[in-house]
Amino acid sequence: MPLRIHFTAQDLARTRLAEAPRPMLELNIALRLLQEQSHPTRFGPWRRESLKRLSPQVRMLFDLVPPVGWSVDFLDHATVGGLDEALDLIRATPAARLRADMEAWAERGGRRPVPAWTRSIGSDRRLLLELADTVGHVYQQIIAPYRPRLDALGDADQAMRRRQLGQGGLDALLAGLNPRRIRWRPPVLELSTASGFEGDICLQGRGLLLIPSAFGAVYPVLNDEAEPQPWITYPVGLRETDLYLPPTDTVRALSTVPDSLAALLGHTRAVVLWTIAHHPGCTTTELARRAGISPASASQHATVLRTAGLTTTMRHHNTALHTASPLGTGLLATAS
């Protein structure tokens, strides 16, 4: 049996779409992925490179955020929008809260052994500060180098979700979040989670916050006790290749415009890039109409731009949705 979230009319009215992934939530999920070997196509290169860059201190976080099961609550801050703010909150956690969270975490872990060093978190201030610094270090090594790619995917996904919402309303949005793991059977949202939890959750008029996640590519993550609103994650992109994270060398190469992209300064292709940048999420037909070219020509130019890393294309049913990448918008800004 799945986990079932029950909606009232008030819940549906208050359900909303978060605009971007949240740094601490992404870090939590990414830490779990680093400790396993699943989805090698999607995360293999990222996993190998990230592990090479991390200091031995990452084992502290591996202890507190295991590959499966509960993570410690004071590291949560899932809905905080900025990393620096989240790190400040971790550093400011009161000692009483630390001790209570660690006790609750140990109880939830059941038979899992509790590392001896964790017993000092509530009494050793230096240990807490070291842990916060480690969180910042890990984020900079396993997520920050890939931000251009992740941001481009996020922008394309947002364009697709807005299109779903505009064309089919909240029904279409909920039904399309993650068809394999999230099923919308009005007025109930059924979730298959990695933990296999079952049961019923009533939102009690609070609605639901839908948070995009690049690393939460398979199972949804949820917190029905979050304030001021419960939340769940849904995957950015719907295909295995949508979320491919290239090796860091490729990411660095995409941060500058190589000589081979000079061909993109031809008039028609420049118009296509400008059109995509100013109309994110446009279809190939819409792109052709706005650029004043044929659909076949629009498709060809969009393919070249995507291959060069200047745009991102996401599939929605049988429709291609085009969005400019950070490199593409940067090139237009430089040209302007």
Protein backbone atom coordinates (compact mmCIF):
# COMPACT_ATOMS: atom_id res chain seq x y z
CA MET A 1 0.00 0.00 0.00
CA PRO A 2 1.27 3.53 -0.77
CA LEU A 3 1.39 6.54 1.49
CA ARG A 4 -1.79 8.56 0.91
CA ILE A 5 -2.12 12.35 1.23
CA HIS A 6 -5.73 13.52 1.45
CA PHE A 7 -6.74 16.91 0.04
CA THR A 8 -9.72 19.11 0.84
CA ALA A 9 -10.84 22.01 -1.34
CA GLN A 10 -8.93 24.32 1.00
CA ASP A 11 -5.80 22.21 0.64
CA LEU A 12 -5.99 22.38 -3.14
CA ALA A 13 -6.40 26.16 -2.99
CA ARG A 14 -3.24 26.47 -0.87
CA THR A 15 -1.05 24.00 -2.75
CA ARG A 16 1.80 25.78 -4.50
CA LEU A 17 4.87 25.17 -6.60
CA ALA A 18 8.30 26.15 -5.24
CA GLU A 19 10.36 28.08 -7.77
CA ALA A 20 13.69 26.33 -7.23
CA PRO A 21 15.36 23.43 -5.42
CA ARG A 22 16.32 24.13 -1.79
CA PRO A 23 20.05 23.84 -0.99
CA MET A 24 19.86 21.88 2.28
CA LEU A 25 17.24 19.51 0.92
CA GLU A 26 19.34 18.85 -2.18
CA LEU A 27 22.41 18.32 -0.01
CA ASN A 28 20.56 15.84 2.20
CA ILE A 29 19.46 13.78 -0.81
CA ALA A 30 22.87 14.06 -2.49
CA LEU A 31 24.61 12.78 0.64
CA ARG A 32 22.44 9.68 0.54
CA LEU A 33 23.21 9.11 -3.15
CA LEU A 34 26.95 9.35 -2.49
CA GLN A 35 26.74 6.38 -0.14
CA GLU A 36 25.19 4.01 -2.69
CA GLN A 37 25.70 2.93 -6.30
CA SER A 38 22.23 3.33 -7.79
CA HIS A 39 21.46 5.04 -11.12
CA PRO A 40 24.98 4.98 -12.62
CA THR A 41 23.89 6.68 -15.85
CA ARG A 42 22.39 9.61 -14.03
CA PHE A 43 24.81 10.03 -11.15
CA GLY A 44 27.89 7.88 -11.84
CA PRO A 45 30.32 10.60 -13.07
CA TRP A 46 29.08 13.03 -10.41
CA ARG A 47 29.48 10.44 -7.66
CA ARG A 48 33.02 9.47 -8.67
CA GLU A 49 34.27 13.04 -8.97
CA SER A 50 32.55 14.28 -5.82
CA LEU A 51 34.02 11.55 -3.62
CA LYS A 52 37.53 12.43 -4.84
CA ARG A 53 37.14 16.07 -3.80
CA LEU A 54 35.70 15.53 -0.33
CA SER A 55 37.74 15.75 2.86
CA PRO A 56 37.65 12.86 5.38
CA GLN A 57 35.36 15.01 7.54
CA VAL A 58 32.45 14.05 5.28
CA ARG A 59 32.15 10.87 7.35
CA MET A 60 30.56 13.02 10.06
CA LEU A 61 27.68 13.78 7.69
CA PHE A 62 27.50 10.21 6.46
CA ASP A 63 26.94 9.18 10.09
CA LEU A 64 24.10 11.69 10.52
CA VAL A 65 22.55 11.28 7.06
CA PRO A 66 22.57 7.53 6.23
CA PRO A 67 21.73 6.25 2.73
CA VAL A 68 18.31 5.06 3.94
CA GLY A 69 16.32 6.04 7.00
CA TRP A 70 16.09 9.06 9.26
CA SER A 71 18.57 11.93 9.22
CA VAL A 72 19.10 14.13 12.25
CA ASP A 73 16.49 16.91 12.50
CA PHE A 74 18.72 19.90 13.31
CA LEU A 75 20.38 19.54 9.87
CA ASP A 76 17.04 19.69 8.08
CA HIS A 77 16.20 23.32 7.18
CA ALA A 78 14.75 21.91 3.97
CA THR A 79 12.72 24.97 3.03
CA VAL A 80 15.42 27.58 3.71
CA GLY A 81 16.24 29.31 0.44
CA GLY A 82 19.96 30.01 0.94
CA LEU A 83 22.91 27.92 2.09
CA ASP A 84 24.46 30.65 4.27
CA GLU A 85 21.19 31.11 6.13
CA ALA A 86 20.94 27.36 6.71
CA LEU A 87 24.51 27.20 8.03
CA ASP A 88 23.82 30.08 10.43
CA LEU A 89 20.76 28.22 11.72
CA ILE A 90 22.82 25.07 12.29
CA ARG A 91 25.49 27.01 14.20
CA ALA A 92 22.82 28.68 16.34
CA THR A 93 21.03 25.45 17.32
CA PRO A 94 20.50 25.49 21.12
CA ALA A 95 22.21 22.73 23.11
CA ALA A 96 18.88 21.44 24.44
CA ARG A 97 17.55 21.10 20.88
CA LEU A 98 20.71 19.26 19.84
CA ARG A 99 20.42 16.74 22.65
CA ALA A 100 16.70 16.17 22.03
CA ASP A 101 17.22 15.70 18.28
CA MET A 102 20.08 13.27 18.81
CA GLU A 103 18.03 11.20 21.27
CA ALA A 104 15.08 11.08 18.88
CA TRP A 105 17.37 10.17 15.98
CA ALA A 106 18.97 7.33 17.94
CA GLU A 107 15.55 5.93 18.84
CA ARG A 108 14.34 6.08 15.24
CA GLY A 109 17.46 4.26 14.09
CA GLY A 110 16.42 1.11 15.91
CA ARG A 111 19.27 -1.39 15.75
CA ARG A 112 21.62 0.94 13.89
CA PRO A 113 24.68 1.71 16.07
CA VAL A 114 25.06 5.35 17.12
CA PRO A 115 28.61 6.67 16.50
CA ALA A 116 30.30 7.56 19.77
CA TRP A 117 31.34 11.04 18.65
CA THR A 118 27.71 12.12 18.17
CA ARG A 119 27.08 11.97 21.92
CA SER A 120 29.14 15.15 22.36
CA ILE A 121 27.27 17.36 19.88
CA GLY A 122 24.98 18.81 22.55
CA SER A 123 27.85 19.76 24.89
CA ASP A 124 30.79 20.58 22.59
CA ARG A 125 30.28 23.89 20.79
CA ARG A 126 33.41 23.43 18.68
CA LEU A 127 32.07 20.15 17.37
CA LEU A 128 28.86 21.84 16.19
CA LEU A 129 30.84 24.58 14.41
CA GLU A 130 33.04 21.96 12.77
CA LEU A 131 29.95 20.12 11.59
CA ALA A 132 28.49 23.31 10.07
CA ASP A 133 31.79 24.00 8.29
CA THR A 134 31.74 20.45 6.94
CA VAL A 135 28.22 20.99 5.58
CA GLY A 136 29.45 24.07 3.73
CA HIS A 137 32.51 22.25 2.39
CA VAL A 138 30.46 19.31 1.12
CA TYR A 139 27.96 21.59 -0.61
CA GLN A 140 30.78 23.44 -2.41
CA GLN A 141 32.31 20.16 -3.61
CA ILE A 142 29.31 18.07 -4.66
CA ILE A 143 26.66 20.61 -5.73
CA ALA A 144 28.19 24.05 -6.43
CA PRO A 145 30.37 22.89 -9.39
CA TYR A 146 27.24 21.67 -11.17
CA ARG A 147 25.03 24.67 -10.52
CA PRO A 148 24.98 25.95 -14.14
CA ARG A 149 23.66 22.57 -15.33
CA LEU A 150 21.25 22.23 -12.41
CA ASP A 151 19.95 25.79 -12.85
CA ALA A 152 19.34 25.21 -16.55
CA LEU A 153 17.42 22.02 -15.81
CA GLY A 154 15.45 23.80 -13.11
CA ASP A 155 14.48 26.67 -15.42
CA ALA A 156 13.35 24.25 -18.11
CA ASP A 157 11.38 22.21 -15.60
CA GLN A 158 9.65 25.30 -14.21
CA ALA A 159 8.59 26.28 -17.72
CA MET A 160 7.14 22.80 -18.25
CA ARG A 161 5.29 22.82 -14.90
CA ARG A 162 3.82 26.27 -15.58
CA ARG A 163 2.60 24.97 -18.93
CA GLN A 164 1.00 21.96 -17.21
CA LEU A 165 -0.68 24.25 -14.71
CA GLY A 166 -1.87 26.69 -17.36
CA GLN A 167 -3.24 24.06 -19.71
CA GLY A 168 -4.66 21.49 -17.31
CA GLY A 169 -4.83 23.17 -13.91
CA LEU A 170 -3.70 21.63 -10.64
CA ASP A 171 -5.01 18.21 -11.72
CA ALA A 172 -2.50 18.10 -14.60
CA LEU A 173 0.32 19.40 -12.41
CA LEU A 174 -0.19 16.80 -9.67
CA ALA A 175 -0.67 13.98 -12.16
CA GLY A 176 2.57 14.86 -13.94
CA LEU A 177 4.88 15.34 -10.95
CA ASN A 178 6.40 11.86 -10.97
CA PRO A 179 4.06 9.33 -12.62
CA ARG A 180 6.08 6.32 -11.48
CA ARG A 181 6.08 7.20 -7.79
CA ILE A 182 3.36 9.85 -7.33
CA ARG A 183 -0.17 9.09 -8.48
CA TRP A 184 -3.00 11.60 -8.35
CA ARG A 185 -6.36 9.95 -7.65
CA PRO A 186 -8.50 12.95 -6.68
CA PRO A 187 -8.70 13.90 -3.89
CA VAL A 188 -5.81 11.65 -2.81
CA LEU A 189 -2.12 11.83 -3.75
CA GLU A 190 -0.50 8.39 -3.48
CA LEU A 191 3.26 8.21 -2.89
CA SER A 192 5.71 5.33 -3.16
CA THR A 193 8.67 6.24 -0.92
CA ALA A 194 12.14 4.75 -0.57
CA SER A 195 11.37 3.84 3.04
CA GLY A 196 8.16 2.04 2.08
CA PHE A 197 6.10 3.98 4.62
CA GLU A 198 2.36 3.44 4.46
CA GLY A 199 -0.57 5.29 5.97
CA ASP A 200 -2.77 8.33 5.58
CA ILE A 201 -1.89 12.01 5.93
CA CYS A 202 -4.51 14.75 6.24
CA LEU A 203 -3.24 18.21 5.31
CA GLN A 204 -5.85 19.94 7.51
CA GLY A 205 -6.25 22.94 5.23
CA ARG A 206 -2.53 23.73 5.05
CA GLY A 207 -2.07 22.66 1.44
CA LEU A 208 1.17 21.22 0.07
CA LEU A 209 4.42 22.80 -1.11
CA LEU A 210 5.81 21.04 -4.21
CA ILE A 211 9.61 21.35 -4.25
CA PRO A 212 11.65 20.48 -7.37
CA SER A 213 14.73 18.33 -6.78
CA ALA A 214 17.52 17.42 -9.18
CA PHE A 215 18.98 14.78 -6.88
CA GLY A 216 15.62 13.40 -5.74
CA ALA A 217 15.23 11.83 -9.14
CA VAL A 218 13.48 8.62 -8.15
CA TYR A 219 11.53 8.58 -4.89
CA PRO A 220 9.73 11.58 -3.40
CA VAL A 221 10.83 12.97 -0.05
CA LEU A 222 8.19 14.45 2.24
CA ASN A 223 7.68 16.14 5.58
CA ASP A 224 4.05 16.30 6.68
CA GLU A 225 5.01 18.05 9.95
CA ALA A 226 6.83 20.99 8.35
CA GLU A 227 5.72 24.50 9.23
CA PRO A 228 4.09 26.52 7.93
CA GLN A 229 3.25 23.96 5.26
CA PRO A 230 3.92 20.24 4.55
CA TRP A 231 6.08 19.58 1.49
CA ILE A 232 7.08 16.87 -0.94
CA THR A 233 9.75 16.74 -3.62
CA TYR A 234 9.33 15.88 -7.26
CA PRO A 235 12.10 15.19 -9.81
CA VAL A 236 13.42 17.85 -12.17
CA GLY A 237 13.15 16.27 -15.61
CA LEU A 238 11.33 13.12 -16.56
CA ARG A 239 13.95 11.13 -18.49
CA GLU A 240 17.15 9.40 -17.42
CA THR A 241 19.24 11.69 -19.62
CA ASP A 242 17.53 14.87 -18.41
CA LEU A 243 19.49 14.76 -15.17
CA TYR A 244 22.88 13.70 -16.44
CA LEU A 245 25.54 15.65 -14.56
CA PRO A 246 28.63 16.04 -16.76
CA PRO A 247 32.16 15.72 -15.37
CA THR A 248 33.57 18.89 -13.82
CA ASP A 249 35.92 19.46 -16.77
CA THR A 250 32.87 19.76 -19.01
CA VAL A 251 31.20 22.14 -16.57
CA ARG A 252 34.28 24.38 -16.59
CA ALA A 253 34.37 24.32 -20.38
CA LEU A 254 30.78 25.49 -20.52
CA SER A 255 31.56 28.49 -18.28
CA THR A 256 33.36 30.23 -21.18
CA VAL A 257 32.45 30.57 -24.83
CA PRO A 258 34.89 28.52 -26.99
CA ASP A 259 35.89 29.58 -30.49
CA SER A 260 33.67 26.88 -31.99
CA LEU A 261 30.61 28.83 -30.89
CA ALA A 262 31.48 31.75 -33.17
CA ALA A 263 29.23 30.14 -35.80
CA LEU A 264 26.29 30.85 -33.52
CA LEU A 265 26.59 34.56 -34.24
CA GLY A 266 24.92 34.09 -37.60
CA HIS A 267 21.74 36.17 -37.87
CA THR A 268 19.10 33.41 -37.83
CA ARG A 269 20.65 31.38 -35.04
CA ALA A 270 21.15 34.51 -32.95
CA VAL A 271 17.45 35.30 -33.40
CA VAL A 272 16.55 31.75 -32.31
CA LEU A 273 18.71 32.04 -29.18
CA TRP A 274 17.26 35.47 -28.36
CA THR A 275 13.72 34.12 -28.84
CA ILE A 276 14.31 31.13 -26.55
CA ALA A 277 15.86 33.36 -23.88
CA HIS A 278 12.92 35.76 -23.92
CA HIS A 279 10.25 33.03 -24.12
CA PRO A 280 11.46 30.22 -21.83
CA GLY A 281 9.57 26.97 -22.24
CA CYS A 282 8.49 27.75 -25.80
CA THR A 283 7.69 24.84 -28.09
CA THR A 284 9.40 24.35 -31.44
CA THR A 285 6.25 25.57 -33.21
CA GLU A 286 6.10 28.69 -31.03
CA LEU A 287 9.82 29.26 -31.58
CA ALA A 288 9.39 29.06 -35.36
CA ARG A 289 6.46 31.50 -35.31
CA ARG A 290 8.20 34.05 -33.10
CA ALA A 291 11.51 33.81 -35.00
CA GLY A 292 9.82 33.96 -38.39
CA ILE A 293 11.27 30.69 -39.69
CA SER A 294 9.95 27.25 -40.56
CA PRO A 295 9.45 24.61 -37.84
CA ALA A 296 12.10 22.42 -39.48
CA SER A 297 14.61 25.27 -39.39
CA ALA A 298 13.69 26.10 -35.79
CA SER A 299 14.25 22.48 -34.77
CA GLN A 300 17.64 22.38 -36.51
CA HIS A 301 18.87 25.60 -34.90
CA ALA A 302 17.54 24.54 -31.48
CA THR A 303 19.48 21.28 -31.77
CA VAL A 304 22.73 23.12 -32.52
CA LEU A 305 22.18 25.51 -29.62
CA ARG A 306 21.40 22.65 -27.25
CA THR A 307 24.47 20.69 -28.35
CA ALA A 308 26.62 23.78 -27.73
CA GLY A 309 25.22 24.09 -24.20
CA LEU A 310 23.40 27.37 -24.88
CA THR A 311 19.90 25.98 -24.37
CA THR A 312 18.13 23.11 -22.65
CA THR A 313 15.32 21.08 -24.18
CA MET A 314 12.85 19.13 -22.07
CA ARG A 315 10.20 16.75 -23.38
CA HIS A 316 6.59 17.12 -22.27
CA HIS A 317 4.56 14.31 -23.85
CA ASN A 318 5.40 14.73 -27.56
CA THR A 319 6.39 18.38 -27.26
CA ALA A 320 9.91 19.82 -26.96
CA LEU A 321 10.19 22.81 -24.61
CA HIS A 322 13.21 25.09 -25.07
CA THR A 323 14.88 27.22 -22.38
CA ALA A 324 18.13 29.19 -22.48
CA SER A 325 20.94 27.90 -20.27
CA PRO A 326 23.04 30.21 -18.04
CA LEU A 327 25.74 30.08 -20.74
CA GLY A 328 23.21 31.14 -23.39
CA THR A 329 21.85 34.06 -21.38
CA GLY A 330 25.40 35.07 -20.49
CA LEU A 331 26.40 35.09 -24.15
CA LEU A 332 23.41 37.29 -25.01
CA ALA A 333 24.24 39.67 -22.15
CA THR A 334 27.85 39.95 -23.35
CA ALA A 335 26.73 40.59 -26.92
CA SER A 336 24.36 43.30 -25.68
